[in-house]
Protein backbone atom coordinates (compact mmCIF):
# COMPACT_ATOMS: atom_id res chain seq x y z
CA UNK A 1 174.81 178.03 -32.34
CA UNK A 2 173.32 179.61 -35.49
CA UNK A 3 171.19 178.75 -38.45
CA UNK A 4 170.75 179.94 -41.99
CA UNK A 5 167.14 180.45 -42.93
CA UNK A 6 165.39 181.48 -46.15
CA UNK A 7 162.45 183.83 -46.17
CA UNK A 8 161.25 186.47 -48.62
CA UNK A 9 163.68 185.29 -51.28
CA UNK A 10 166.66 186.07 -49.14
CA UNK A 11 168.93 184.01 -46.72
CA UNK A 12 169.76 185.19 -43.29
CA UNK A 13 172.24 183.90 -40.74
CA UNK A 14 170.50 183.99 -37.31
CA UNK A 15 171.36 183.37 -33.72
CA UNK A 16 169.14 182.88 -30.74
CA UNK A 17 168.08 186.30 -29.19
CA UNK A 18 168.99 188.38 -32.11
CA UNK A 19 166.63 190.90 -33.86
CA UNK A 20 166.28 190.85 -37.55
CA UNK A 21 164.62 192.93 -40.24
CA UNK A 22 163.05 190.67 -42.97
CA UNK A 23 160.65 191.25 -45.81
CA UNK A 24 157.16 192.21 -44.71
CA UNK A 25 154.97 189.41 -43.42
CA UNK A 26 151.25 189.38 -42.60
CA UNK A 27 151.49 188.76 -38.86
CA UNK A 28 150.38 190.55 -35.76
CA UNK A 29 152.83 192.12 -33.29
CA UNK A 30 153.70 189.48 -30.67
CA UNK A 31 152.79 186.50 -32.88
CA UNK A 32 155.02 183.52 -33.13
CA UNK A 33 156.48 182.57 -36.51
CA UNK A 34 158.02 179.29 -37.54
CA UNK A 35 160.63 179.31 -40.38
CA UNK A 36 160.91 175.72 -41.70
CA UNK A 37 163.20 176.47 -44.61
CA UNK A 38 166.46 175.95 -42.70
CA UNK A 39 169.49 175.61 -44.97
CA UNK A 40 172.11 175.04 -42.29
CA UNK A 41 171.88 174.44 -38.49
CA UNK A 42 174.66 174.17 -35.89
CA UNK A 43 178.18 175.35 -35.56
CA UNK A 44 181.63 173.98 -36.35
CA UNK A 45 181.99 170.24 -36.83
CA UNK A 46 178.43 169.60 -35.62
CA UNK A 47 176.74 171.71 -38.36
CA UNK A 48 173.99 170.04 -40.39
CA UNK A 49 173.83 171.24 -44.02
CA UNK A 50 170.57 170.55 -45.93
CA UNK A 51 170.09 169.48 -49.49
CA UNK A 52 168.36 171.95 -49.89
CA UNK A 53 166.78 172.07 -46.45
CA UNK A 54 167.67 170.38 -43.17
CA UNK A 55 164.93 167.74 -42.43
CA UNK A 56 162.96 168.33 -39.29
CA UNK A 57 164.66 171.64 -38.51
CA UNK A 58 162.82 174.89 -37.82
CA UNK A 59 163.50 178.37 -36.30
CA UNK A 60 160.94 180.07 -34.09
CA UNK A 61 160.64 183.87 -33.88
CA UNK A 62 158.34 186.51 -32.45
CA UNK A 63 157.22 189.52 -34.37
CA UNK A 64 158.47 192.72 -32.67
CA UNK A 65 157.32 195.48 -35.05
CA UNK A 66 156.43 196.48 -38.60
CA UNK A 67 157.92 199.47 -40.42
CA UNK A 68 159.31 201.02 -43.50
CA UNK A 69 162.97 201.29 -44.45
CA UNK A 70 164.91 204.38 -45.45
CA UNK A 71 163.99 206.12 -48.71
CA UNK A 72 165.99 205.04 -51.75
CA UNK A 73 166.16 207.74 -54.41
CA UNK A 74 166.15 206.93 -58.03
CA UNK A 75 167.33 209.70 -60.44
CA UNK A 76 167.43 209.22 -64.19
CA UNK A 77 168.61 211.78 -66.70
CA UNK A 78 169.39 211.82 -70.38
CA UNK A 79 171.68 214.67 -71.24
CA UNK A 80 170.65 217.07 -74.03
CA UNK A 81 167.23 215.23 -74.36
CA UNK A 82 165.20 217.17 -71.74
CA UNK A 83 164.53 213.99 -69.84
CA UNK A 84 164.67 213.98 -66.03
CA UNK A 85 162.92 211.57 -63.82
CA UNK A 86 162.87 211.48 -59.99
CA UNK A 87 161.45 208.56 -58.06
CA UNK A 88 161.58 207.24 -54.57
CA UNK A 89 160.96 203.85 -52.79
CA UNK A 90 160.57 202.76 -49.22
CA UNK A 91 160.52 199.01 -48.59
CA UNK A 92 158.19 197.53 -45.88
CA UNK A 93 159.80 195.24 -43.32
CA UNK A 94 158.88 193.08 -40.36
CA UNK A 95 161.29 193.01 -37.36
CA UNK A 96 161.48 189.71 -35.61
CA UNK A 97 163.31 188.31 -32.54
CA UNK A 98 164.73 184.79 -32.89
CA UNK A 99 163.63 182.70 -30.00
CA UNK A 100 165.19 179.33 -30.64
CA UNK A 101 165.87 176.31 -32.84
CA UNK A 102 163.84 173.13 -33.20
CA UNK A 103 165.57 169.85 -34.25
CA UNK A 104 169.00 171.00 -33.12
C-alpha cells in the first residue's frame, strides 16, 4: 500500500518503512510528523483519490536527520562582454522515515 502526499510544494509517493528526503522542516530528530495533505491512499482497485485531499487520511513519519544536498553550480557568461558569474547553492533537507497510514 502506498500514498501520495504533498509537502514543501512537492508531491511524493511513499510506502511504509521507506526513507525520504523532503524540504527542510523545523523538527527535532526523532520527532513524529503527521502529513494530512494526502492526495491518494491505497493500491489498485481499493485506492482512494481525493478532491483535492482524501478526507480523514494522514501519513505519520519520524525525523531521521537533517542535512544539505549536493552543491549545484550556476555559471553565467556573456561572450565578448567581459561578464562571468559563478554561483553555488546547497538546498537544506529533512530525512524522514514513513511509519504508517491513518484512515486506510
